[in-house]
């Protein structure tokens, strides 16, 4: 099991992540796609210098690029995703995470059924071909109902993925969203090898944050979640949470996570 961490595009982060012992980092897809060429080159250079890769990327779409509702701009979506894939490929990215709750949420005047079908159409006709072209998989991330009404459990994500007919469209499990949605860890086993990526955190409130980096002080048992990921054949898990002390939280969270390799 490879252990990574979600860490945006700060040029200082790759070196810190590598030093802490992690296997890879997870960058922000829409930040990569939107940043000026000079900023991208500086991030690319920092990554190359660190010796670590951005094997995964989250934060797929900005909220204004809707995939549901009226007037979905498929040309704009295609151009945005193509640029992001082109850049992410240079960073060593193998999986892009489709959370983007606002972009895929149920819109006024549309039913849940209609928005689910629009999401399938977007994934099948806009994303799948780009996944093939750039040799990058897309992992659908189920989100809790406070963040979106479309795709809240790993089984729902698996159904949507299967409806695309693409082997490139798969599933992610996030421990925070699973607990918020009452999505039992056992459902990971039912999804099986369609589950290709995962997010982990201390999934309960700590101070002002909803979820934070794992730490021994929380005495949280991750064993069932991790065991089921391994049984399903999932080979990566990224820490995704808030931090007020990135460098020290990297070190303490790695101490929690390294035993699960």
Protein backbone atom coordinates (compact mmCIF):
# COMPACT_ATOMS: atom_id res chain seq x y z
CA UNK A 1 0.00 0.00 0.00
CA UNK A 2 1.45 3.35 -1.06
CA UNK A 3 0.90 6.23 1.35
CA UNK A 4 0.50 9.78 0.00
CA UNK A 5 -0.81 13.17 1.06
CA UNK A 6 -2.98 15.82 -0.58
CA UNK A 7 -0.94 18.99 -0.65
CA UNK A 8 -1.93 21.41 -3.41
CA UNK A 9 0.68 23.23 -5.50
CA UNK A 10 2.98 25.01 -3.03
CA UNK A 11 6.52 24.52 -4.35
CA UNK A 12 7.80 23.84 -0.82
CA UNK A 13 5.55 20.83 -0.32
CA UNK A 14 7.14 18.12 -2.52
CA UNK A 15 10.44 18.26 -0.64
CA UNK A 16 8.71 18.21 2.76
CA UNK A 17 6.53 15.26 1.75
CA UNK A 18 9.50 13.29 0.47
CA UNK A 19 11.51 14.07 3.62
CA UNK A 20 8.67 12.88 5.85
CA UNK A 21 8.74 9.47 4.13
CA UNK A 22 5.62 9.48 1.94
CA UNK A 23 5.55 7.60 -1.36
CA UNK A 24 3.81 10.25 -3.46
CA UNK A 25 1.80 13.45 -3.24
CA UNK A 26 -1.69 14.34 -4.45
CA UNK A 27 -1.97 17.73 -6.11
CA UNK A 28 -5.02 19.85 -7.02
CA UNK A 29 -6.15 19.21 -10.60
CA UNK A 30 -8.02 22.45 -11.17
CA UNK A 31 -5.12 24.47 -9.73
CA UNK A 32 -2.72 22.70 -12.10
CA UNK A 33 -5.03 23.32 -15.06
CA UNK A 34 -5.56 27.02 -14.25
CA UNK A 35 -2.07 28.14 -13.17
CA UNK A 36 0.06 30.29 -15.51
CA UNK A 37 2.82 28.50 -17.45
CA UNK A 38 5.56 30.00 -15.28
CA UNK A 39 3.93 28.81 -12.05
CA UNK A 40 3.45 25.35 -13.50
CA UNK A 41 7.11 25.16 -14.54
CA UNK A 42 8.21 26.16 -11.01
CA UNK A 43 5.99 23.47 -9.46
CA UNK A 44 7.17 20.89 -11.99
CA UNK A 45 10.79 21.78 -11.21
CA UNK A 46 10.23 21.54 -7.45
CA UNK A 47 8.63 18.14 -7.91
CA UNK A 48 11.50 16.89 -10.08
CA UNK A 49 14.06 18.15 -7.57
CA UNK A 50 12.30 16.40 -4.68
CA UNK A 51 12.28 12.99 -6.39
CA UNK A 52 8.58 12.46 -5.64
CA UNK A 53 5.68 12.28 -8.11
CA UNK A 54 2.12 13.58 -8.09
CA UNK A 55 0.70 10.12 -8.70
CA UNK A 56 -2.81 11.38 -7.97
CA UNK A 57 -4.74 14.65 -8.24
CA UNK A 58 -7.98 15.74 -6.56
CA UNK A 59 -10.24 18.84 -6.83
CA UNK A 60 -11.17 17.99 -10.43
CA UNK A 61 -13.52 20.81 -11.50
CA UNK A 62 -14.15 24.36 -10.35
CA UNK A 63 -17.74 24.89 -9.21
CA UNK A 64 -18.62 27.11 -12.15
CA UNK A 65 -17.94 24.28 -14.63
CA UNK A 66 -21.16 22.38 -14.08
CA UNK A 67 -21.80 18.90 -15.41
CA UNK A 68 -25.47 18.96 -14.37
CA UNK A 69 -28.33 21.37 -14.96
CA UNK A 70 -29.02 23.51 -18.00
CA UNK A 71 -26.46 24.90 -20.41
CA UNK A 72 -23.62 22.50 -19.57
CA UNK A 73 -20.66 23.76 -21.60
CA UNK A 74 -19.08 20.54 -22.84
CA UNK A 75 -16.54 22.36 -25.02
CA UNK A 76 -15.25 24.33 -22.02
CA UNK A 77 -15.17 21.17 -19.91
CA UNK A 78 -13.22 19.29 -22.58
CA UNK A 79 -10.64 22.05 -23.01
CA UNK A 80 -10.19 22.45 -19.25
CA UNK A 81 -9.78 18.72 -18.63
CA UNK A 82 -7.48 18.25 -21.62
CA UNK A 83 -5.14 20.99 -20.38
CA UNK A 84 -5.16 19.52 -16.87
CA UNK A 85 -4.49 15.99 -18.13
CA UNK A 86 -1.65 17.21 -20.35
CA UNK A 87 0.03 18.90 -17.39
CA UNK A 88 -0.71 16.15 -14.88
CA UNK A 89 0.80 13.57 -17.19
CA UNK A 90 4.09 15.50 -16.96
CA UNK A 91 3.85 15.29 -13.16
CA UNK A 92 3.51 11.49 -13.18
CA UNK A 93 -0.23 11.44 -12.43
CA UNK A 94 -1.99 8.10 -12.80
CA UNK A 95 -5.35 8.84 -11.12
CA UNK A 96 -7.52 11.97 -11.06
CA UNK A 97 -10.26 12.19 -8.41
CA UNK A 98 -13.74 13.39 -9.37
CA UNK A 99 -15.29 14.89 -6.24
CA UNK A 100 -16.45 18.34 -7.32
CA UNK A 101 -19.71 18.23 -5.40
CA UNK A 102 -21.00 21.62 -6.53
CA UNK A 103 -20.32 20.90 -10.21
CA UNK A 104 -22.31 17.63 -10.13
CA UNK A 105 -25.04 18.53 -7.63
CA UNK A 106 -28.77 18.51 -8.39
CA UNK A 107 -29.70 21.84 -9.98
CA UNK A 108 -32.99 23.72 -9.79
CA UNK A 109 -35.57 22.31 -12.16
CA UNK A 110 -33.77 18.97 -12.51
CA UNK A 111 -34.43 15.67 -10.79
CA UNK A 112 -31.82 13.46 -9.15
CA UNK A 113 -32.33 10.94 -11.96
CA UNK A 114 -31.68 13.57 -14.63
CA UNK A 115 -28.52 14.80 -12.92
CA UNK A 116 -27.19 11.26 -12.49
CA UNK A 117 -27.74 10.63 -16.20
CA UNK A 118 -26.04 13.93 -17.06
CA UNK A 119 -23.07 12.87 -14.92
CA UNK A 120 -22.84 9.56 -16.78
CA UNK A 121 -23.04 11.40 -20.12
CA UNK A 122 -20.24 13.75 -19.07
CA UNK A 123 -17.99 10.92 -17.92
CA UNK A 124 -18.70 8.73 -20.95
CA UNK A 125 -18.56 11.32 -23.74
CA UNK A 126 -16.17 13.97 -22.39
CA UNK A 127 -13.82 12.29 -19.91
CA UNK A 128 -13.35 8.64 -20.91
CA UNK A 129 -11.64 9.39 -24.24
CA UNK A 130 -9.20 11.78 -22.57
CA UNK A 131 -8.44 9.12 -19.96
CA UNK A 132 -7.54 6.74 -22.77
CA UNK A 133 -5.46 9.35 -24.61
CA UNK A 134 -3.40 10.35 -21.57
CA UNK A 135 -3.37 6.93 -19.84
CA UNK A 136 -4.94 8.39 -16.69
CA UNK A 137 -7.78 6.81 -14.69
CA UNK A 138 -10.61 8.77 -13.09
CA UNK A 139 -11.82 7.80 -9.61
CA UNK A 140 -15.35 8.92 -8.72
CA UNK A 141 -15.39 10.14 -5.11
CA UNK A 142 -18.66 9.65 -3.21
CA UNK A 143 -19.32 12.73 -1.09
CA UNK A 144 -21.56 13.18 1.93
CA UNK A 145 -25.05 14.60 1.40
CA UNK A 146 -24.09 17.96 2.89
CA UNK A 147 -21.81 18.45 -0.13
CA UNK A 148 -23.83 16.91 -2.97
CA UNK A 149 -26.93 14.84 -3.66
CA UNK A 150 -25.32 13.01 -6.60
CA UNK A 151 -23.23 9.93 -5.66
CA UNK A 152 -23.02 9.54 -1.87
CA UNK A 153 -21.79 5.94 -1.44
CA UNK A 154 -19.14 3.70 -2.96
CA UNK A 155 -21.82 1.44 -4.44
CA UNK A 156 -23.52 4.41 -6.12
CA UNK A 157 -20.15 5.47 -7.52
CA UNK A 158 -19.61 1.94 -8.84
CA UNK A 159 -23.00 1.98 -10.57
CA UNK A 160 -22.28 5.35 -12.23
CA UNK A 161 -18.81 4.14 -13.28
CA UNK A 162 -20.23 0.95 -14.79
CA UNK A 163 -22.85 2.94 -16.74
CA UNK A 164 -20.06 4.74 -18.62
CA UNK A 165 -18.80 1.48 -20.11
CA UNK A 166 -15.22 2.65 -19.61
CA UNK A 167 -12.60 0.67 -17.69
CA UNK A 168 -10.90 4.01 -17.03
CA UNK A 169 -13.73 5.26 -14.82
CA UNK A 170 -13.49 3.70 -11.35
CA UNK A 171 -14.17 4.48 -7.67
CA UNK A 172 -12.56 6.11 -4.61
CA UNK A 173 -13.40 5.53 -0.93
CA UNK A 174 -12.97 8.42 1.53
CA UNK A 175 -13.16 7.48 5.21
CA UNK A 176 -14.67 10.85 6.21
CA UNK A 177 -17.44 10.77 3.62
CA UNK A 178 -18.18 7.11 4.31
CA UNK A 179 -18.73 7.79 7.99
CA UNK A 180 -20.76 10.95 7.31
CA UNK A 181 -22.99 9.02 4.88
CA UNK A 182 -23.31 5.85 6.96
CA UNK A 183 -21.53 3.95 4.17
CA UNK A 184 -20.29 0.74 5.80
CA UNK A 185 -16.64 -0.24 5.29
CA UNK A 186 -17.89 -3.65 4.13
CA UNK A 187 -19.24 -1.98 0.97
CA UNK A 188 -15.63 -1.53 -0.16
CA UNK A 189 -15.46 -5.30 -0.59
CA UNK A 190 -18.60 -5.31 -2.75
CA UNK A 191 -17.05 -2.69 -5.06
CA UNK A 192 -13.93 -4.85 -5.29
CA UNK A 193 -11.31 -4.02 -7.91
CA UNK A 194 -13.33 -1.07 -9.20
CA UNK A 195 -11.97 0.75 -6.15
CA UNK A 196 -8.60 2.19 -7.20
CA UNK A 197 -7.89 4.96 -4.69
CA UNK A 198 -8.75 6.15 -1.17
CA UNK A 199 -8.60 9.17 1.14
CA UNK A 200 -7.97 8.97 4.86
CA UNK A 201 -8.05 11.41 7.77
CA UNK A 202 -9.03 11.69 11.41
CA UNK A 203 -12.65 11.98 10.33
CA UNK A 204 -14.13 13.89 13.24
CA UNK A 205 -14.11 17.54 14.21
CA UNK A 206 -10.95 18.95 15.75
CA UNK A 207 -11.10 22.61 16.64
CA UNK A 208 -12.37 24.55 13.64
CA UNK A 209 -11.77 21.69 11.20
CA UNK A 210 -14.15 18.90 10.12
CA UNK A 211 -11.31 16.44 9.49
CA UNK A 212 -7.59 16.61 10.12
CA UNK A 213 -4.40 14.62 9.60
CA UNK A 214 -4.16 11.28 11.44
CA UNK A 215 -2.33 11.46 14.76
CA UNK A 216 -1.62 8.90 17.44
CA UNK A 217 -3.24 11.19 20.03
CA UNK A 218 -6.68 10.56 18.53
CA UNK A 219 -6.41 6.79 19.11
CA UNK A 220 -8.54 6.08 16.03
CA UNK A 221 -8.72 2.54 14.63
CA UNK A 222 -8.10 2.55 10.86
CA UNK A 223 -7.48 -1.18 10.57
CA UNK A 224 -10.84 -2.29 9.11
CA UNK A 225 -10.86 0.50 6.52
CA UNK A 226 -7.30 -0.25 5.42
CA UNK A 227 -7.77 -4.02 5.50
CA UNK A 228 -10.81 -3.76 3.23
CA UNK A 229 -8.94 -1.48 0.83
CA UNK A 230 -6.19 -4.08 0.55
CA UNK A 231 -8.66 -6.92 0.08
CA UNK A 232 -10.32 -4.94 -2.72
CA UNK A 233 -6.93 -4.51 -4.40
CA UNK A 234 -6.58 -0.78 -3.75
CA UNK A 235 -2.87 0.09 -3.70
CA UNK A 236 -2.90 3.79 -2.70
CA UNK A 237 -4.33 5.92 0.08
CA UNK A 238 -3.83 9.68 0.49
CA UNK A 239 -4.21 11.75 3.62
CA UNK A 240 -6.78 14.48 2.98
CA UNK A 241 -7.58 16.87 5.79
CA UNK A 242 -6.98 20.28 7.30
CA UNK A 243 -3.79 21.26 9.05
CA UNK A 244 -2.54 24.31 10.93
CA UNK A 245 1.03 22.97 11.03
CA UNK A 246 1.74 21.20 7.75
CA UNK A 247 5.37 20.20 8.33
CA UNK A 248 4.84 18.73 11.80
CA UNK A 249 1.52 17.12 10.89
CA UNK A 250 3.26 15.39 7.97
CA UNK A 251 5.69 13.78 10.38
CA UNK A 252 3.10 12.73 12.97
CA UNK A 253 0.62 11.43 10.39
CA UNK A 254 3.30 9.39 8.65
CA UNK A 255 4.03 7.68 11.96
CA UNK A 256 0.37 6.58 12.07
CA UNK A 257 0.23 5.52 8.43
CA UNK A 258 3.53 3.74 7.83
CA UNK A 259 2.38 0.62 9.67
CA UNK A 260 -0.28 0.06 7.00
CA UNK A 261 2.12 -0.28 4.07
